[in-house]
PDB file of N, CA and C in Angstrom:
ATOM      1  N   VAL A   1     121.952 103.332 104.974  1.00  0.00           N
ATOM      2  CA  VAL A   1     122.790 104.585 104.717  1.00  0.00           C
ATOM      3  C   VAL A   1     123.193 104.551 103.415  1.00  0.00           C
ATOM      4  N   PHE A   2     123.657 103.506 102.769  1.00  0.00           N
ATOM      5  CA  PHE A   2     124.217 103.418 101.265  1.00  0.00           C
ATOM      6  C   PHE A   2     123.023 103.825 100.350  1.00  0.00           C
ATOM      7  N   GLN A   3     121.851 103.532 100.530  1.00  0.00           N
ATOM      8  CA  GLN A   3     120.727 103.782  99.768  1.00  0.00           C
ATOM      9  C   GLN A   3     120.541 105.294  99.636  1.00  0.00           C
ATOM     10  N   GLU A   4     120.603 105.728 100.740  1.00  0.00           N
ATOM     11  CA  GLU A   4     120.185 107.065 101.008  1.00  0.00           C
ATOM     12  C   GLU A   4     121.391 107.952 100.397  1.00  0.00           C
ATOM     13  N   ARG A   5     122.568 107.761 100.598  1.00  0.00           N
ATOM     14  CA  ARG A   5     123.815 108.293  99.957  1.00  0.00           C
ATOM     15  C   ARG A   5     124.054 108.233  98.399  1.00  0.00           C
ATOM     16  N   PHE A   6     123.900 107.024  97.963  1.00  0.00           N
ATOM     17  CA  PHE A   6     124.330 106.474  96.423  1.00  0.00           C
ATOM     18  C   PHE A   6     123.237 105.923  95.368  1.00  0.00           C
ATOM     19  N   HIS A   7     121.698 106.118  96.112  1.00  0.00           N
ATOM     20  CA  HIS A   7     120.831 105.506  95.327  1.00  0.00           C
ATOM     21  C   HIS A   7     120.942 106.033  93.588  1.00  0.00           C
ATOM     22  N   ASP A   8     121.344 107.083  93.618  1.00  0.00           N
ATOM     23  CA  ASP A   8     121.412 107.684  92.325  1.00  0.00           C
ATOM     24  C   ASP A   8     122.797 107.395  91.342  1.00  0.00           C
ATOM     25  N   SER A   9     123.860 107.029  92.274  1.00  0.00           N
ATOM     26  CA  SER A   9     125.074 106.881  91.661  1.00  0.00           C
ATOM     27  C   SER A   9     125.244 105.447  90.982  1.00  0.00           C
ATOM     28  N   PHE A  10     124.658 104.540  91.250  1.00  0.00           N
ATOM     29  CA  PHE A  10     124.763 103.226  90.466  1.00  0.00           C
ATOM     30  C   PHE A  10     123.313 102.706  89.984  1.00  0.00           C
ATOM     31  N   PRO A  11     123.447 101.988  88.758  1.00  0.00           N
ATOM     32  CA  PRO A  11     121.931 101.272  88.366  1.00  0.00           C
ATOM     33  C   PRO A  11     121.477 100.443  89.414  1.00  0.00           C
ATOM     34  N   ILE A  12     120.298 100.403  89.589  1.00  0.00           N
ATOM     35  CA  ILE A  12     119.461  99.434  90.668  1.00  0.00           C
ATOM     36  C   ILE A  12     120.185  97.916  90.355  1.00  0.00           C
ATOM     37  N   HIS A  13     120.136  97.636  88.855  1.00  0.00           N
ATOM     38  CA  HIS A  13     120.242  96.117  88.770  1.00  0.00           C
ATOM     39  C   HIS A  13     121.853  95.646  88.993  1.00  0.00           C
ATOM     40  N   TRP A  14     122.633  96.611  89.412  1.00  0.00           N
ATOM     41  CA  TRP A  14     124.041  96.377  89.947  1.00  0.00           C
ATOM     42  C   TRP A  14     123.979  95.886  91.231  1.00  0.00           C
ATOM     43  N   GLN A  15     123.072  96.261  92.108  1.00  0.00           N
ATOM     44  CA  GLN A  15     122.721  95.788  93.572  1.00  0.00           C
ATOM     45  C   GLN A  15     124.123  95.928  94.238  1.00  0.00           C
ATOM     46  N   MET A  16     124.309  97.074  94.069  1.00  0.00           N
ATOM     47  CA  MET A  16     125.734  97.555  94.902  1.00  0.00           C
ATOM     48  C   MET A  16     125.832  97.243  96.520  1.00  0.00           C
ATOM     49  N   GLU A  17     124.561  97.489  97.252  1.00  0.00           N
ATOM     50  CA  GLU A  17     124.506  97.254  98.541  1.00  0.00           C
ATOM     51  C   GLU A  17     124.848  95.746  98.890  1.00  0.00           C
ATOM     52  N   ARG A  18     124.084  94.999  98.061  1.00  0.00           N
ATOM     53  CA  ARG A  18     124.308  93.553  98.289  1.00  0.00           C
ATOM     54  C   ARG A  18     125.662  93.250  97.978  1.00  0.00           C
ATOM     55  N   ARG A  19     126.280  93.684  96.805  1.00  0.00           N
ATOM     56  CA  ARG A  19     127.656  93.432  96.586  1.00  0.00           C
ATOM     57  C   ARG A  19     128.508  93.962  97.690  1.00  0.00           C
ATOM     58  N   LEU A  20     128.444  94.952  98.073  1.00  0.00           N
ATOM     59  CA  LEU A  20     129.397  95.174  99.436  1.00  0.00           C
ATOM     60  C   LEU A  20     129.143  94.470 100.553  1.00  0.00           C
ATOM     61  N   ILE A  21     127.968  93.974 101.031  1.00  0.00           N
ATOM     62  CA  ILE A  21     127.732  93.320 102.190  1.00  0.00           C
ATOM     63  C   ILE A  21     128.165  91.939 101.989  1.00  0.00           C
ATOM     64  N   PHE A  22     128.192  91.350 100.876  1.00  0.00           N
ATOM     65  CA  PHE A  22     128.889  89.832 100.638  1.00  0.00           C
ATOM     66  C   PHE A  22     130.338  89.967 100.476  1.00  0.00           C
ATOM     67  N   GLY A  23     130.988  91.082  99.630  1.00  0.00           N
ATOM     68  CA  GLY A  23     132.167  91.408  99.869  1.00  0.00           C
ATOM     69  C   GLY A  23     132.669  91.528 101.195  1.00  0.00           C
ATOM     70  N   PHE A  24     132.248  92.265 102.102  1.00  0.00           N
ATOM     71  CA  PHE A  24     132.664  92.323 103.330  1.00  0.00           C
ATOM     72  C   PHE A  24     132.496  91.088 104.303  1.00  0.00           C
ATOM     73  N   ILE A  25     131.285  90.312 103.930  1.00  0.00           N
ATOM     74  CA  ILE A  25     131.443  89.034 104.745  1.00  0.00           C
ATOM     75  C   ILE A  25     132.658  87.943 104.204  1.00  0.00           C
ATOM     76  N   GLU A  26     132.973  88.039 102.942  1.00  0.00           N
ATOM     77  CA  GLU A  26     133.806  87.089 102.463  1.00  0.00           C
ATOM     78  C   GLU A  26     135.208  87.454 103.229  1.00  0.00           C
ATOM     79  N   GLU A  27     135.551  88.631 103.133  1.00  0.00           N
ATOM     80  CA  GLU A  27     136.792  89.228 103.596  1.00  0.00           C
ATOM     81  C   GLU A  27     136.573  89.041 105.277  1.00  0.00           C
ATOM     82  N   THR A  28     135.594  89.133 105.817  1.00  0.00           N
ATOM     83  CA  THR A  28     135.654  89.075 107.490  1.00  0.00           C
ATOM     84  C   THR A  28     135.754  87.375 107.678  1.00  0.00           C
ATOM     85  N   ARG A  29     135.029  86.711 106.762  1.00  0.00           N
ATOM     86  CA  ARG A  29     135.129  85.274 107.033  1.00  0.00           C
ATOM     87  C   ARG A  29     136.585  84.723 106.693  1.00  0.00           C
ATOM     88  N   THR A  30     137.342  85.069 105.855  1.00  0.00           N
ATOM     89  CA  THR A  30     138.794  84.814 105.634  1.00  0.00           C
ATOM     90  C   THR A  30     139.778  85.186 106.635  1.00  0.00           C
ATOM     91  N   MET A  31     139.135  86.462 107.185  1.00  0.00           N
ATOM     92  CA  MET A  31     140.160  87.026 108.413  1.00  0.00           C
ATOM     93  C   MET A  31     139.710  85.928 109.667  1.00  0.00           C
ATOM     94  N   PHE A  32     138.603  85.935 109.837  1.00  0.00           N
ATOM     95  CA  PHE A  32     138.384  84.729 111.205  1.00  0.00           C
ATOM     96  C   PHE A  32     138.967  83.457 110.910  1.00  0.00           C
ATOM     97  N   LEU A  33     139.010  82.958 109.509  1.00  0.00           N
ATOM     98  CA  LEU A  33     139.561  81.713 109.504  1.00  0.00           C
ATOM     99  C   LEU A  33     141.079  81.619 109.732  1.00  0.00           C
ATOM    100  N   GLU A  34     141.775  82.923 109.125  1.00  0.00           N
ATOM    101  CA  GLU A  34     143.239  82.859 109.430  1.00  0.00           C
ATOM    102  C   GLU A  34     143.526  82.941 110.874  1.00  0.00           C
ATOM    103  N   ILE A  35     142.527  83.859 111.701  1.00  0.00           N
ATOM    104  CA  ILE A  35     142.883  83.946 113.063  1.00  0.00           C
ATOM    105  C   ILE A  35     142.758  82.601 113.807  1.00  0.00           C
ATOM    106  N   LEU A  36     141.551  81.948 113.700  1.00  0.00           N
ATOM    107  CA  LEU A  36     141.386  80.764 114.518  1.00  0.00           C
ATOM    108  C   LEU A  36     142.176  79.480 113.867  1.00  0.00           C
ATOM    109  N   SER A  37     142.839  79.636 112.677  1.00  0.00           N
ATOM    110  CA  SER A  37     143.619  78.441 112.368  1.00  0.00           C
ATOM    111  C   SER A  37     144.996  78.566 112.576  1.00  0.00           C
ATOM    112  N   SER A  38     145.389  79.874 113.060  1.00  0.00           N
ATOM    113  CA  SER A  38     146.516  80.418 113.273  1.00  0.00           C
ATOM    114  C   SER A  38     147.516  79.379 114.467  1.00  0.00           C
ATOM    115  N   GLY A  39     146.717  78.532 115.090  1.00  0.00           N
ATOM    116  CA  GLY A  39     147.471  77.643 116.249  1.00  0.00           C
ATOM    117  C   GLY A  39     147.462  78.507 117.440  1.00  0.00           C
ATOM    118  N   GLU A  40     147.360  79.855 117.425  1.00  0.00           N
ATOM    119  CA  GLU A  40     147.542  80.415 118.730  1.00  0.00           C
ATOM    120  C   GLU A  40     146.296  80.128 119.625  1.00  0.00           C
ATOM    121  N   GLU A  41     146.581  80.274 121.117  1.00  0.00           N
ATOM    122  CA  GLU A  41     145.476  80.076 121.863  1.00  0.00           C
ATOM    123  C   GLU A  41     144.652  81.296 121.859  1.00  0.00           C
ATOM    124  N   HIS A  42     143.230  81.239 121.790  1.00  0.00           N
ATOM    125  CA  HIS A  42     142.155  82.148 122.026  1.00  0.00           C
ATOM    126  C   HIS A  42     141.248  81.944 123.130  1.00  0.00           C
ATOM    127  N   SER A  43     140.991  82.710 123.590  1.00  0.00           N
ATOM    128  CA  SER A  43     140.199  82.783 124.910  1.00  0.00           C
ATOM    129  C   SER A  43     138.656  82.249 124.325  1.00  0.00           C
ATOM    130  N   VAL A  44     138.155  81.649 125.135  1.00  0.00           N
ATOM    131  CA  VAL A  44     136.740  80.996 124.760  1.00  0.00           C
ATOM    132  C   VAL A  44     135.657  82.055 124.733  1.00  0.00           C
ATOM    133  N   THR A  45     135.967  82.917 125.738  1.00  0.00           N
ATOM    134  CA  THR A  45     134.914  84.069 125.901  1.00  0.00           C
ATOM    135  C   THR A  45     135.151  84.880 124.600  1.00  0.00           C
ATOM    136  N   ALA A  46     136.417  85.268 124.031  1.00  0.00           N
ATOM    137  CA  ALA A  46     136.425  85.932 122.805  1.00  0.00           C
ATOM    138  C   ALA A  46     135.881  85.310 121.565  1.00  0.00           C
ATOM    139  N   ILE A  47     136.372  84.055 121.402  1.00  0.00           N
ATOM    140  CA  ILE A  47     135.556  83.414 120.302  1.00  0.00           C
ATOM    141  C   ILE A  47     133.968  83.518 120.532  1.00  0.00           C
ATOM    142  N   LEU A  48     133.439  83.201 121.473  1.00  0.00           N
ATOM    143  CA  LEU A  48     132.009  83.166 121.704  1.00  0.00           C
ATOM    144  C   LEU A  48     131.417  84.415 121.580  1.00  0.00           C
ATOM    145  N   LYS A  49     132.019  85.311 122.009  1.00  0.00           N
ATOM    146  CA  LYS A  49     131.673  86.822 121.924  1.00  0.00           C
ATOM    147  C   LYS A  49     131.716  87.200 120.292  1.00  0.00           C
ATOM    148  N   ALA A  50     132.831  87.001 119.394  1.00  0.00           N
ATOM    149  CA  ALA A  50     132.686  86.977 117.856  1.00  0.00           C
ATOM    150  C   ALA A  50     131.729  86.274 117.286  1.00  0.00           C
ATOM    151  N   LEU A  51     131.290  85.061 117.645  1.00  0.00           N
ATOM    152  CA  LEU A  51     130.285  83.800 117.165  1.00  0.00           C
ATOM    153  C   LEU A  51     129.024  84.803 117.544  1.00  0.00           C
ATOM    154  N   GLN A  52     128.713  85.181 118.547  1.00  0.00           N
ATOM    155  CA  GLN A  52     127.475  85.936 119.076  1.00  0.00           C
ATOM    156  C   GLN A  52     127.539  87.216 118.238  1.00  0.00           C
ATOM    157  N   LYS A  53     128.310  88.009 118.091  1.00  0.00           N
ATOM    158  CA  LYS A  53     128.214  89.146 117.211  1.00  0.00           C
ATOM    159  C   LYS A  53     127.977  88.967 115.799  1.00  0.00           C
ATOM    160  N   SER A  54     128.615  87.797 115.113  1.00  0.00           N
ATOM    161  CA  SER A  54     128.401  87.293 113.870  1.00  0.00           C
ATOM    162  C   SER A  54     126.994  86.980 113.586  1.00  0.00           C
ATOM    163  N   LEU A  55     126.572  86.087 114.402  1.00  0.00           N
ATOM    164  CA  LEU A  55     124.927  85.673 114.513  1.00  0.00           C
ATOM    165  C   LEU A  55     123.988  86.854 114.489  1.00  0.00           C
ATOM    166  N   VAL A  56     124.450  87.906 115.214  1.00  0.00           N
ATOM    167  CA  VAL A  56     123.421  89.159 115.104  1.00  0.00           C
ATOM    168  C   VAL A  56     123.815  89.985 113.873  1.00  0.00           C
ATOM    169  N   PHE A  57     124.855  89.908 113.274  1.00  0.00           N
ATOM    170  CA  PHE A  57     125.182  90.676 112.166  1.00  0.00           C
ATOM    171  C   PHE A  57     124.337  89.929 111.089  1.00  0.00           C
ATOM    172  N   GLU A  58     124.544  88.858 110.856  1.00  0.00           N
ATOM    173  CA  GLU A  58     123.836  88.084 109.715  1.00  0.00           C
ATOM    174  C   GLU A  58     122.210  88.252 109.775  1.00  0.00           C
ATOM    175  N   LYS A  59     121.782  88.293 111.224  1.00  0.00           N
ATOM    176  CA  LYS A  59     120.243  88.384 111.230  1.00  0.00           C
ATOM    177  C   LYS A  59     119.810  89.593 110.813  1.00  0.00           C
ATOM    178  N   GLU A  60     120.638  90.608 111.163  1.00  0.00           N
ATOM    179  CA  GLU A  60     120.425  91.904 110.889  1.00  0.00           C
ATOM    180  C   GLU A  60     120.329  92.304 109.066  1.00  0.00           C
ATOM    181  N   VAL A  61     121.619  92.012 108.906  1.00  0.00           N
ATOM    182  CA  VAL A  61     121.856  91.890 107.330  1.00  0.00           C
ATOM    183  C   VAL A  61     120.916  91.175 106.528  1.00  0.00           C
ATOM    184  N   GLN A  62     120.417  90.255 107.081  1.00  0.00           N
ATOM    185  CA  GLN A  62     119.469  89.308 106.137  1.00  0.00           C
ATOM    186  C   GLN A  62     117.930  89.984 106.288  1.00  0.00           C
ATOM    187  N   ALA A  63     117.623  90.623 107.230  1.00  0.00           N
ATOM    188  CA  ALA A  63     116.508  91.442 107.296  1.00  0.00           C
ATOM    189  C   ALA A  63     116.480  92.594 106.417  1.00  0.00           C
ATOM    190  N   ARG A  64     117.691  93.354 106.419  1.00  0.00           N
ATOM    191  CA  ARG A  64     117.852  94.342 105.331  1.00  0.00           C
ATOM    192  C   ARG A  64     117.969  93.804 103.878  1.00  0.00           C
ATOM    193  N   LEU A  65     118.611  92.853 103.543  1.00  0.00           N
ATOM    194  CA  LEU A  65     118.571  92.478 102.462  1.00  0.00           C
ATOM    195  C   LEU A  65     117.200  91.872 101.721  1.00  0.00           C
ATOM    196  N   ASP A  66     116.452  91.273 102.716  1.00  0.00           N
ATOM    197  CA  ASP A  66     115.005  91.027 102.472  1.00  0.00           C
ATOM    198  C   ASP A  66     114.182  92.110 102.080  1.00  0.00           C
ATOM    199  N   ASP A  67     114.495  93.132 103.014  1.00  0.00           N
ATOM    200  CA  ASP A  67     113.581  94.339 102.838  1.00  0.00           C
ATOM    201  C   ASP A  67     113.887  94.946 101.294  1.00  0.00           C
ATOM    202  N   LEU A  68     115.177  94.810 100.898  1.00  0.00           N
ATOM    203  CA  LEU A  68     115.862  95.489  99.574  1.00  0.00           C
ATOM    204  C   LEU A  68     115.043  94.651  98.481  1.00  0.00           C
ATOM    205  N   ASP A  69     115.147  93.317  98.783  1.00  0.00           N
ATOM    206  CA  ASP A  69     114.245  92.328  97.821  1.00  0.00           C
ATOM    207  C   ASP A  69     112.844  92.695  97.549  1.00  0.00           C
ATOM    208  N   HIS A  70     112.187  92.717  98.843  1.00  0.00           N
ATOM    209  CA  HIS A  70     110.829  92.948  98.668  1.00  0.00           C
ATOM    210  C   HIS A  70     110.320  94.197  97.954  1.00  0.00           C
ATOM    211  N   ARG A  71     111.456  95.358  98.177  1.00  0.00           N
ATOM    212  CA  ARG A  71     111.008  96.728  97.722  1.00  0.00           C
ATOM    213  C   ARG A  71     111.463  96.383  96.142  1.00  0.00           C
ATOM    214  N   ARG A  72     112.324  95.757  95.740  1.00  0.00           N
ATOM    215  CA  ARG A  72     112.656  95.636  94.340  1.00  0.00           C
ATOM    216  C   ARG A  72     111.370  94.849  93.574  1.00  0.00           C
ATOM    217  N   LYS A  73     110.922  93.803  94.145  1.00  0.00           N
ATOM    218  CA  LYS A  73     109.772  93.178  93.593  1.00  0.00           C
ATOM    219  C   LYS A  73     108.662  93.987  93.687  1.00  0.00           C
ATOM    220  N   LYS A  74     108.328  94.883  94.639  1.00  0.00           N
ATOM    221  CA  LYS A  74     107.181  95.646  94.484  1.00  0.00           C
ATOM    222  C   LYS A  74     107.312  96.624  93.291  1.00  0.00           C
ATOM    223  N   SER A  75     108.357  96.931  92.841  1.00  0.00           N
ATOM    224  CA  SER A  75     108.396  97.796  91.698  1.00  0.00           C
ATOM    225  C   SER A  75     107.723  97.128  90.670  1.00  0.00           C
ATOM    226  N   ASP A  76     107.636  98.014  89.701  1.00  0.00           N
ATOM    227  CA  ASP A  76     107.028  97.694  88.528  1.00  0.00           C
ATOM    228  C   ASP A  76     107.938  97.191  87.377  1.00  0.00           C
ATOM    229  N   ASP A  77     109.197  96.930  87.934  1.00  0.00           N
ATOM    230  CA  ASP A  77     110.580  96.507  86.870  1.00  0.00           C
ATOM    231  C   ASP A  77     110.695  97.297  85.772  1.00  0.00           C
ATOM    232  N   THR A  78     110.598  98.645  85.708  1.00  0.00           N
ATOM    233  CA  THR A  78     110.804  99.410  85.029  1.00  0.00           C
ATOM    234  C   THR A  78     111.400 100.588  85.385  1.00  0.00           C
ATOM    235  N   THR A  79     112.176 101.495  84.464  1.00  0.00           N
ATOM    236  CA  THR A  79     113.169 102.661  85.082  1.00  0.00           C
ATOM    237  C   THR A  79     112.320 103.820  84.066  1.00  0.00           C
ATOM    238  N   THR A  80     112.335 104.986  84.843  1.00  0.00           N
ATOM    239  CA  THR A  80     111.912 106.317  83.903  1.00  0.00           C
ATOM    240  C   THR A  80     112.894 107.060  84.048  1.00  0.00           C
ATOM    241  N   VAL A  81     113.132 107.663  82.717  1.00  0.00           N
ATOM    242  CA  VAL A  81     114.309 108.305  82.239  1.00  0.00           C
ATOM    243  C   VAL A  81     113.530 109.668  81.875  1.00  0.00           C
ATOM    244  N   GLU A  82     114.291 110.768  82.168  1.00  0.00           N
ATOM    245  CA  GLU A  82     113.647 111.984  81.732  1.00  0.00           C
ATOM    246  C   GLU A  82     114.403 112.441  80.368  1.00  0.00           C
ATOM    247  N   ASN A  83     113.691 112.334  79.217  1.00  0.00           N
ATOM    248  CA  ASN A  83     114.243 112.741  78.009  1.00  0.00           C
ATOM    249  C   ASN A  83     113.936 114.299  78.060  1.00  0.00           C
ATOM    250  N   THR A  84     115.256 114.921  78.170  1.00  0.00           N
ATOM    251  CA  THR A  84     115.234 116.495  78.192  1.00  0.00           C
ATOM    252  C   THR A  84     114.944 117.167  76.899  1.00  0.00           C
ATOM    253  N   SER A  85     115.262 116.603  75.658  1.00  0.00           N
ATOM    254  CA  SER A  85     115.197 117.032  74.409  1.00  0.00           C
ATOM    255  C   SER A  85     113.641 117.341  74.027  1.00  0.00           C
ATOM    256  N   ILE A  86     112.582 116.569  74.528  1.00  0.00           N
ATOM    257  CA  ILE A  86     111.241 116.702  74.234  1.00  0.00           C
ATOM    258  C   ILE A  86     110.343 116.672  75.334  1.00  0.00           C
ATOM    259  N   ASN A  87     111.169 117.048  76.644  1.00  0.00           N
ATOM    260  CA  ASN A  87     110.464 117.191  77.842  1.00  0.00           C
ATOM    261  C   ASN A  87     109.177 115.979  78.260  1.00  0.00           C
ATOM    262  N   LYS A  88     109.613 114.769  78.023  1.00  0.00           N
ATOM    263  CA  LYS A  88     108.751 113.924  78.274  1.00  0.00           C
ATOM    264  C   LYS A  88     109.415 112.664  78.996  1.00  0.00           C
ATOM    265  N   ASN A  89     108.614 111.915  79.869  1.00  0.00           N
ATOM    266  CA  ASN A  89     109.348 110.780  80.512  1.00  0.00           C
ATOM    267  C   ASN A  89     108.974 109.522  79.512  1.00  0.00           C
ATOM    268  N   ILE A  90     110.125 108.800  79.468  1.00  0.00           N
ATOM    269  CA  ILE A  90     110.272 107.547  78.746  1.00  0.00           C
ATOM    270  C   ILE A  90     110.328 106.324  79.581  1.00  0.00           C
ATOM    271  N   THR A  91     109.619 105.272  79.579  1.00  0.00           N
ATOM    272  CA  THR A  91     109.986 104.156  80.346  1.00  0.00           C
ATOM    273  C   THR A  91     110.398 103.016  79.767  1.00  0.00           C
ATOM    274  N   ILE A  92     111.658 102.382  80.400  1.00  0.00           N
ATOM    275  CA  ILE A  92     112.471 101.666  79.882  1.00  0.00           C
ATOM    276  C   ILE A  92     112.345 100.415  80.504  1.00  0.00           C
ATOM    277  N   PRO A  93     112.055  99.085  80.120  1.00  0.00           N
ATOM    278  CA  PRO A  93     112.186  97.940  80.888  1.00  0.00           C
ATOM    279  C   PRO A  93     113.393  97.597  81.333  1.00  0.00           C
ATOM    280  N   ASN A  94     113.308  97.337  82.668  1.00  0.00           N
ATOM    281  CA  ASN A  94     114.642  96.821  83.551  1.00  0.00           C
ATOM    282  C   ASN A  94     114.513  95.434  83.353  1.00  0.00           C
ATOM    283  N   LYS A  95     115.422  94.787  82.486  1.00  0.00           N
ATOM    284  CA  LYS A  95     115.591  93.391  82.284  1.00  0.00           C
ATOM    285  C   LYS A  95     116.507  92.851  83.086  1.00  0.00           C
ATOM    286  N   ASN A  96     117.357  93.640  83.768  1.00  0.00           N
ATOM    287  CA  ASN A  96     118.616  93.298  84.627  1.00  0.00           C
ATOM    288  C   ASN A  96     117.973  93.112  86.127  1.00  0.00           C
ATOM    289  N   ASN A  97     116.978  93.160  86.226  1.00  0.00           N
ATOM    290  CA  ASN A  97     116.495  93.157  87.732  1.00  0.00           C
ATOM    291  C   ASN A  97     116.640  92.080  88.502  1.00  0.00           C
ATOM    292  N   THR A  98     117.099  90.889  87.980  1.00  0.00           N
ATOM    293  CA  THR A  98     117.449  89.916  88.732  1.00  0.00           C
ATOM    294  C   THR A  98     118.998  89.601  89.262  1.00  0.00           C
ATOM    295  N   ILE A  99     119.059  88.527  90.141  1.00  0.00           N
ATOM    296  CA  ILE A  99     120.449  88.582  90.521  1.00  0.00           C
ATOM    297  C   ILE A  99     121.026  87.384  89.848  1.00  0.00           C
ATOM    298  N   HIS A 100     122.225  87.486  89.093  1.00  0.00           N
ATOM    299  CA  HIS A 100     122.772  86.462  88.709  1.00  0.00           C
ATOM    300  C   HIS A 100     124.240  86.041  89.093  1.00  0.00           C
ATOM    301  N   ASP A 101     124.504  86.715  89.902  1.00  0.00           N
ATOM    302  CA  ASP A 101     125.791  86.637  90.459  1.00  0.00           C
ATOM    303  C   ASP A 101     125.564  85.625  91.579  1.00  0.00           C
ATOM    304  N   ASN A 102     126.082  84.420  91.687  1.00  0.00           N
ATOM    305  CA  ASN A 102     125.798  83.443  92.739  1.00  0.00           C
ATOM    306  C   ASN A 102     126.479  83.924  93.976  1.00  0.00           C
ATOM    307  N   LYS A 103     127.595  84.766  93.979  1.00  0.00           N
ATOM    308  CA  LYS A 103     128.157  85.171  95.246  1.00  0.00           C
ATOM    309  C   LYS A 103     127.350  86.402  95.925  1.00  0.00           C
ATOM    310  N   ILE A 104     126.337  86.889  95.396  1.00  0.00           N
ATOM    311  CA  ILE A 104     125.314  87.644  95.956  1.00  0.00           C
ATOM    312  C   ILE A 104     123.838  87.302  96.016  1.00  0.00           C
ATOM    313  N   ALA A 105     123.521  86.089  95.357  1.00  0.00           N
ATOM    314  CA  ALA A 105     122.339  85.550  95.294  1.00  0.00           C
ATOM    315  C   ALA A 105     121.760  84.910  96.606  1.00  0.00           C
ATOM    316  N   GLY A 106     122.668  84.460  97.402  1.00  0.00           N
ATOM    317  CA  GLY A 106     122.262  83.645  98.542  1.00  0.00           C
ATOM    318  C   GLY A 106     121.822  84.163  99.932  1.00  0.00           C
ATOM    319  N   THR A 107     121.637  83.659 100.890  1.00  0.00           N
ATOM    320  CA  THR A 107     121.311  84.012 102.018  1.00  0.00           C
ATOM    321  C   THR A 107     122.527  84.761 102.999  1.00  0.00           C
ATOM    322  N   VAL A 108     122.432  85.186 103.777  1.00  0.00           N
ATOM    323  CA  VAL A 108     123.428  85.725 104.661  1.00  0.00           C
ATOM    324  C   VAL A 108     123.590  84.895 105.975  1.00  0.00           C
ATOM    325  N   LEU A 109     122.619  84.254 106.132  1.00  0.00           N
ATOM    326  CA  LEU A 109     122.467  83.400 107.536  1.00  0.00           C
ATOM    327  C   LEU A 109     123.529  82.349 107.283  1.00  0.00           C
ATOM    328  N   GLY A 110     124.540  82.333 108.461  1.00  0.00           N
ATOM    329  CA  GLY A 110     125.266  81.024 108.292  1.00  0.00           C
ATOM    330  C   GLY A 110     126.624  81.214 107.761  1.00  0.00           C
ATOM    331  N   THR A 111     126.774  82.409 106.566  1.00  0.00           N
ATOM    332  CA  THR A 111     127.785  82.625 105.985  1.00  0.00           C
ATOM    333  C   THR A 111     128.962  82.970 106.587  1.00  0.00           C
ATOM    334  N   LEU A 112     128.914  83.758 107.741  1.00  0.00           N
ATOM    335  CA  LEU A 112     130.013  84.112 108.568  1.00  0.00           C
ATOM    336  C   LEU A 112     130.154  83.247 109.886  1.00  0.00           C
ATOM    337  N   SER A 113     129.174  83.011 110.341  1.00  0.00           N
ATOM    338  CA  SER A 113     129.035  82.072 111.797  1.00  0.00           C
ATOM    339  C   SER A 113     129.544  80.733 111.519  1.00  0.00           C
ATOM    340  N   SER A 114     129.384  80.098 110.421  1.00  0.00           N
ATOM    341  CA  SER A 114     129.732  78.889 110.261  1.00  0.00           C
ATOM    342  C   SER A 114     131.273  78.401 110.187  1.00  0.00           C
ATOM    343  N   VAL A 115     131.954  79.683 110.076  1.00  0.00           N
ATOM    344  CA  VAL A 115     133.555  79.592 110.131  1.00  0.00           C
ATOM    345  C   VAL A 115     133.813  79.025 111.579  1.00  0.00           C
ATOM    346  N   PHE A 116     133.082  79.458 112.482  1.00  0.00           N
ATOM    347  CA  PHE A 116     133.487  78.963 113.951  1.00  0.00           C
ATOM    348  C   PHE A 116     133.305  77.316 114.158  1.00  0.00           C
ATOM    349  N   ASP A 117     132.221  76.666 113.458  1.00  0.00           N
ATOM    350  CA  ASP A 117     131.786  75.253 113.745  1.00  0.00           C
ATOM    351  C   ASP A 117     133.021  74.363 114.031  1.00  0.00           C
ATOM    352  N   PRO A 118     134.087  74.320 112.974  1.00  0.00           N
ATOM    353  CA  PRO A 118     135.086  73.487 113.442  1.00  0.00           C
ATOM    354  C   PRO A 118     135.869  73.646 114.614  1.00  0.00           C
ATOM    355  N   PHE A 119     135.795  74.872 115.354  1.00  0.00           N
ATOM    356  CA  PHE A 119     136.658  75.319 116.066  1.00  0.00           C
ATOM    357  C   PHE A 119     135.609  75.248 117.838  1.00  0.00           C
ATOM    358  N   MET A 120     134.394  74.808 117.539  1.00  0.00           N
ATOM    359  CA  MET A 120     133.640  74.821 118.773  1.00  0.00           C
ATOM    360  C   MET A 120     133.556  73.511 119.256  1.00  0.00           C
ATOM    361  N   GLN A 121     134.341  72.443 118.706  1.00  0.00           N
ATOM    362  CA  GLN A 121     134.459  70.928 119.412  1.00  0.00           C
ATOM    363  C   GLN A 121     135.314  70.928 120.756  1.00  0.00           C
ATOM    364  N   PRO A 122     134.788  70.307 121.432  1.00  0.00           N
ATOM    365  CA  PRO A 122     135.561  69.975 122.816  1.00  0.00           C
ATOM    366  C   PRO A 122     137.025  69.454 122.713  1.00  0.00           C
TER     367      PRO A 122
END
């Protein structure tokens, strides 16, 4: 949905969809840690359900990011800009096509679900 609505709003090399996903994961992870570390009693069923949903979310999001990366690699690493003054297209190399920000460079798998590990001990 993000690509469909905002693909022209941000430069591709900003990787806004990836940044939003990792930002959401970071905030959700923090929230889970606060809830699980609060010392309150939590039902095992609720914790297992949250873990299961986290695992499904990670798998779906990772597939989405892999697809985005694959499409980005298939592109010819250039951006075409219309030059209206002479009615020609100019091709500009896209030098910022790689991920440099470590916060958005990694895999999604385990980033959210691993927060449950310390709380799964008997």
